[in-house]
Amino acid sequence: MISGLMAEVERRAKEIRLSPEELAKMIDHALLRPEKSSDSFRNLCREARKYHFHSVCVNPAWVRFCAEELRGSGVKVVATVSFPFGQMTSRMKALEAMEAIENGASEVDMVMNIGAFKEGNYDYVRRDIEAVVKAVGGNVVKVIIEAGYLTDDEVVKACEIVKSSGAHFVKTATGFGPTGATVPHVYLMRRAVGDDFGVKASGGIRSLHDVLLMIAAGANRIGSSSSVRIMEECLSRANE
């Protein structure tokens, strides 16, 4: 089954025709490593301006800095919430998300409480997400389910909870878990949420080929720290 799915997704990926401008608007340009300082984030924003990415995705401590760097550019700031483990209390997640919005973020990527989900405490997981959705007042919320820890049935259940909670996207991974984005997970997530909901693929996406596979599988947003390389590949192909 997996081999058949991969062959179909590979076929679809070869048929995708995206302009560099269209691709850039699908990318959240990420810098989430803890040892990076202001020069790295200044460069992140410079790259985001150059390529006109949808956003930069950063930890909350860097939201205000990036919002100032990107003022007037049209590039948004995405803040992570309870990253990367999802183990903060719901109240703290809500406060972190609220402060990020106040500091200039337009979207938040929160991590689901994976342990609570794994033990079947679905009501808690839903309320946890709802607390963040309520706190950000209509701004976009993406929920990271860390699919590498989940069975296929659990991926579907997590997607159902995310969609019912008022969030806007379900997202594959933090990049700090057991796997990054995979074609089978993205395909399963898209089938679970339907066509009218966001699916963000993130974690280990390093090339244009990776991006096209994720889009072919059903992603409509891409998170990557290799965004510049991806765009250079896209621009090169567009000029052939």
Protein backbone atom coordinates (compact mmCIF):
# COMPACT_ATOMS: atom_id res chain seq x y z
CA MET A 1 0.00 0.00 0.00
CA ILE A 2 2.78 2.44 0.93
CA SER A 3 4.65 1.77 -2.32
CA GLY A 4 1.48 2.37 -4.31
CA LEU A 5 0.81 5.62 -2.45
CA MET A 6 4.36 6.82 -2.98
CA ALA A 7 4.18 6.07 -6.69
CA GLU A 8 0.94 8.01 -7.01
CA VAL A 9 2.26 10.96 -5.04
CA GLU A 10 5.48 10.98 -7.07
CA ARG A 11 3.38 11.10 -10.25
CA ARG A 12 1.30 13.99 -8.92
CA ALA A 13 4.40 15.84 -7.76
CA LYS A 14 5.86 15.75 -11.28
CA GLU A 15 2.70 17.41 -12.60
CA ILE A 16 2.74 20.32 -10.12
CA ARG A 17 3.57 23.66 -11.69
CA LEU A 18 4.12 26.41 -9.15
CA SER A 19 5.70 29.75 -9.85
CA PRO A 20 8.38 30.88 -7.38
CA GLU A 21 5.92 33.51 -6.12
CA GLU A 22 3.22 30.92 -5.51
CA LEU A 23 5.63 28.59 -3.73
CA ALA A 24 7.04 31.34 -1.50
CA LYS A 25 3.55 32.18 -0.25
CA MET A 26 3.18 28.60 1.02
CA ILE A 27 6.37 28.65 3.11
CA ASP A 28 6.84 29.41 6.81
CA HIS A 29 10.58 30.15 6.95
CA ALA A 30 11.64 28.63 10.26
CA LEU A 31 14.42 29.24 12.76
CA LEU A 32 13.74 27.35 15.99
CA ARG A 33 17.17 26.30 17.22
CA PRO A 34 17.81 27.50 20.76
CA GLU A 35 21.43 28.61 20.35
CA LYS A 36 20.76 31.24 17.66
CA SER A 37 21.06 34.95 18.47
CA SER A 38 19.94 38.23 16.95
CA ASP A 39 22.19 38.16 13.87
CA SER A 40 20.64 34.85 12.82
CA PHE A 41 17.11 36.18 13.23
CA ARG A 42 17.97 39.39 11.41
CA ASN A 43 19.25 37.27 8.53
CA LEU A 44 16.10 35.11 8.67
CA CYS A 45 13.98 38.21 8.20
CA ARG A 46 16.24 39.50 5.43
CA GLU A 47 15.76 36.21 3.57
CA ALA A 48 12.01 36.31 4.16
CA ARG A 49 11.84 39.81 2.65
CA LYS A 50 13.96 38.79 -0.34
CA TYR A 51 11.88 35.75 -1.26
CA HIS A 52 8.51 37.06 -0.03
CA PHE A 53 7.80 34.05 2.16
CA HIS A 54 4.41 33.77 3.81
CA SER A 55 6.05 34.11 7.22
CA VAL A 56 8.95 33.49 9.52
CA CYS A 57 8.34 30.92 12.25
CA VAL A 58 10.17 31.56 15.51
CA ASN A 59 10.02 30.89 19.23
CA PRO A 60 8.12 33.52 21.26
CA ALA A 61 11.21 35.33 22.56
CA TRP A 62 11.98 36.45 19.00
CA VAL A 63 8.50 37.48 17.89
CA ARG A 64 8.79 41.19 18.69
CA PHE A 65 12.28 41.38 17.16
CA CYS A 66 11.12 39.74 13.93
CA ALA A 67 7.92 41.78 13.76
CA GLU A 68 10.02 44.96 13.88
CA GLU A 69 12.46 43.65 11.28
CA LEU A 70 9.58 42.74 8.94
CA ARG A 71 7.47 45.86 9.44
CA GLY A 72 5.89 46.92 6.14
CA SER A 73 7.12 43.84 4.25
CA GLY A 74 3.89 41.85 4.19
CA VAL A 75 5.74 38.86 5.70
CA LYS A 76 3.97 37.52 8.77
CA VAL A 77 5.38 36.20 12.03
CA VAL A 78 4.38 32.77 13.31
CA ALA A 79 5.06 31.97 16.97
CA THR A 80 5.45 28.49 18.38
CA VAL A 81 3.53 27.69 21.57
CA SER A 82 4.54 25.07 24.16
CA PHE A 83 7.30 24.08 21.79
CA PRO A 84 8.57 21.43 21.27
CA PHE A 85 6.88 19.07 23.75
CA GLY A 86 3.36 20.47 24.30
CA GLN A 87 3.60 19.88 28.03
CA MET A 88 2.68 23.31 29.37
CA THR A 89 -0.69 23.70 31.07
CA SER A 90 -3.59 25.00 29.00
CA ARG A 91 -3.53 28.31 30.88
CA MET A 92 0.16 28.82 30.15
CA LYS A 93 -0.30 27.88 26.50
CA ALA A 94 -3.07 30.44 26.22
CA LEU A 95 -0.95 33.13 27.89
CA GLU A 96 2.05 32.37 25.71
CA ALA A 97 -0.11 32.54 22.58
CA MET A 98 -1.78 35.77 23.68
CA GLU A 99 1.55 37.45 24.39
CA ALA A 100 2.89 36.34 21.01
CA ILE A 101 -0.05 38.00 19.26
CA GLU A 102 0.44 41.16 21.33
CA ASN A 103 4.11 41.18 20.30
CA GLY A 104 3.32 41.00 16.59
CA ALA A 105 2.60 37.39 15.63
CA SER A 106 -0.25 36.73 13.21
CA GLU A 107 -0.33 32.95 13.64
CA VAL A 108 0.63 30.43 16.31
CA ASP A 109 1.82 26.85 15.95
CA MET A 110 0.97 25.05 19.18
CA VAL A 111 2.01 21.56 20.21
CA MET A 112 -0.76 19.17 21.22
CA ASN A 113 -0.45 17.48 24.61
CA ILE A 114 0.73 14.19 23.16
CA GLY A 115 0.76 12.23 26.42
CA ALA A 116 -2.82 13.19 27.24
CA PHE A 117 -3.85 12.21 23.73
CA LYS A 118 -2.04 8.86 23.87
CA GLU A 119 -3.87 7.88 27.05
CA GLY A 120 -7.21 8.74 25.46
CA ASN A 121 -7.94 11.95 27.35
CA TYR A 122 -9.50 13.51 24.28
CA ASP A 123 -11.68 16.03 26.11
CA TYR A 124 -8.59 17.51 27.76
CA VAL A 125 -6.77 17.72 24.42
CA ARG A 126 -9.72 19.48 22.81
CA ARG A 127 -10.05 21.96 25.67
CA ASP A 128 -6.30 22.58 25.56
CA ILE A 129 -6.51 23.58 21.91
CA GLU A 130 -9.70 25.58 22.44
CA ALA A 131 -7.96 27.63 25.13
CA VAL A 132 -5.34 28.77 22.62
CA VAL A 133 -7.90 29.38 19.88
CA LYS A 134 -9.89 31.59 22.23
CA ALA A 135 -6.78 33.43 23.46
CA VAL A 136 -5.64 34.55 19.99
CA GLY A 137 -8.97 36.08 18.99
CA GLY A 138 -9.39 34.89 15.42
CA ASN A 139 -5.73 34.63 14.44
CA VAL A 140 -4.64 31.42 12.74
CA VAL A 141 -3.87 28.45 14.99
CA LYS A 142 -1.97 25.41 13.72
CA VAL A 143 -1.80 22.34 15.94
CA ILE A 144 1.27 20.12 15.84
CA ILE A 145 0.22 16.53 16.48
CA GLU A 146 3.77 15.07 16.29
CA ALA A 147 2.53 12.28 14.04
CA GLY A 148 5.66 10.19 14.49
CA TYR A 149 4.44 9.20 17.94
CA LEU A 150 0.99 8.16 16.66
CA THR A 151 -0.57 5.18 14.92
CA ASP A 152 -2.54 5.83 11.74
CA ASP A 153 -5.81 5.59 13.67
CA GLU A 154 -4.47 8.06 16.22
CA VAL A 155 -3.44 10.48 13.46
CA VAL A 156 -7.02 10.44 12.18
CA LYS A 157 -8.43 10.92 15.67
CA ALA A 158 -6.04 13.79 16.39
CA CYS A 159 -7.06 15.49 13.16
CA GLU A 160 -10.72 15.17 14.09
CA ILE A 161 -10.08 16.76 17.49
CA VAL A 162 -8.04 19.61 15.97
CA LYS A 163 -10.70 20.36 13.39
CA SER A 164 -13.51 20.33 15.96
CA SER A 165 -11.59 22.64 18.31
CA GLY A 166 -11.76 25.74 16.12
CA ALA A 167 -8.12 25.61 14.96
CA HIS A 168 -7.25 26.24 11.33
CA PHE A 169 -4.44 23.79 10.49
CA VAL A 170 -3.15 20.43 11.58
CA LYS A 171 0.64 20.16 11.40
CA THR A 172 2.86 17.09 11.14
CA ALA A 173 5.81 17.59 13.46
CA THR A 174 8.06 19.87 15.46
CA GLY A 175 11.28 18.61 13.92
CA PHE A 176 12.35 17.50 17.41
CA GLY A 177 10.29 14.29 17.54
CA PRO A 178 10.90 10.78 16.17
CA THR A 179 10.11 11.71 12.55
CA GLY A 180 9.58 14.79 10.46
CA ALA A 181 6.94 15.16 7.78
CA THR A 182 6.21 12.01 5.80
CA VAL A 183 4.08 11.50 2.70
CA PRO A 184 1.84 8.86 4.35
CA HIS A 185 1.15 11.12 7.33
CA VAL A 186 0.35 14.16 5.18
CA TYR A 187 -1.88 12.07 2.91
CA LEU A 188 -3.71 10.60 5.92
CA MET A 189 -4.10 14.01 7.53
CA ARG A 190 -5.57 15.54 4.39
CA ARG A 191 -8.06 12.70 4.08
CA ALA A 192 -9.01 13.10 7.74
CA VAL A 193 -9.68 16.86 7.64
CA GLY A 194 -11.11 17.19 4.13
CA ASP A 195 -10.44 19.86 1.55
CA ASP A 196 -11.60 22.86 3.58
CA PHE A 197 -8.93 22.73 6.30
CA GLY A 198 -5.22 23.48 6.49
CA VAL A 199 -2.48 20.85 6.51
CA LYS A 200 1.05 22.00 7.27
CA ALA A 201 3.97 19.72 6.52
CA SER A 202 7.04 20.46 8.63
CA GLY A 203 10.11 18.58 9.77
CA GLY A 204 12.96 17.47 7.52
CA ILE A 205 11.77 19.22 4.34
CA ARG A 206 15.02 20.24 2.69
CA SER A 207 14.54 20.25 -1.10
CA LEU A 208 12.09 21.31 -3.79
CA HIS A 209 11.36 17.63 -4.42
CA ASP A 210 10.42 17.20 -0.75
CA VAL A 211 8.08 20.19 -1.00
CA LEU A 212 6.38 18.95 -4.15
CA LEU A 213 5.83 15.53 -2.58
CA MET A 214 4.19 17.14 0.45
CA ILE A 215 1.95 19.32 -1.71
CA ALA A 216 1.03 16.32 -3.86
CA ALA A 217 0.13 14.40 -0.68
CA GLY A 218 -2.16 17.21 0.49
CA ALA A 219 -0.18 19.92 2.29
CA ASN A 220 -1.06 23.56 1.66
CA ARG A 221 1.56 25.06 3.96
CA ILE A 222 5.23 24.12 4.29
CA GLY A 223 7.50 24.74 7.27
CA SER A 224 11.22 24.56 6.62
CA SER A 225 14.57 25.93 7.72
CA SER A 226 15.88 25.14 4.22
CA SER A 227 13.53 27.58 2.52
CA VAL A 228 16.26 29.52 0.71
CA ARG A 229 17.67 26.39 -0.87
CA ILE A 230 14.16 25.34 -1.88
CA MET A 231 13.47 28.71 -3.49
CA GLU A 232 16.78 28.71 -5.35
CA GLU A 233 15.89 25.30 -6.78
CA CYS A 234 12.48 26.59 -7.80
CA LEU A 235 13.94 29.71 -9.42
CA SER A 236 16.50 27.63 -11.27
CA ARG A 237 13.80 25.33 -12.62
CA ALA A 238 11.65 28.30 -13.63
CA ASN A 239 14.56 29.70 -15.67
CA GLU A 240 15.27 26.49 -17.56
